[in-house]
Amino acid sequence: MTGSGEDNTIMPDWYYPDGGNAMRTVSLKLPESLDDRLAAVAAERSESKSAVVREALETYLRQGKGARTRSCLALASDIVGCVPGPSDLSFHAKHMKEFGK
């Protein structure tokens, strides 16, 4: 048996899907529609809602970290430099001489 946290509640090892390591409890509020979708996915997969949320969170944190804070350069990286010309066109004074006239 493994202790499940600070409250010293003892749960059987099968209760902990990550190899018997105790997990922390996190409480969150979901809109009814999201909870209904979560329950449907959990039932379809014969898993608990907690297991589905853990997997979704792991995936989000692995794949999505920084995805919302990417720069314009990062978002356009596949087309940056695809046109021939000077690499310093946007900031070198010699290229800005007639700009804006």
Foldseek 3Di string as FASTA:
>chain_A
DAQQDDVRDDDDQVVDPPRSDHDDDDDDDDPPVVVVVLVVVCVVVVHDSVVVVVVVVVVCCVPVVCVVVDDPCVVCVVCPPVDDDDPCCPPDVVNCVPPPD
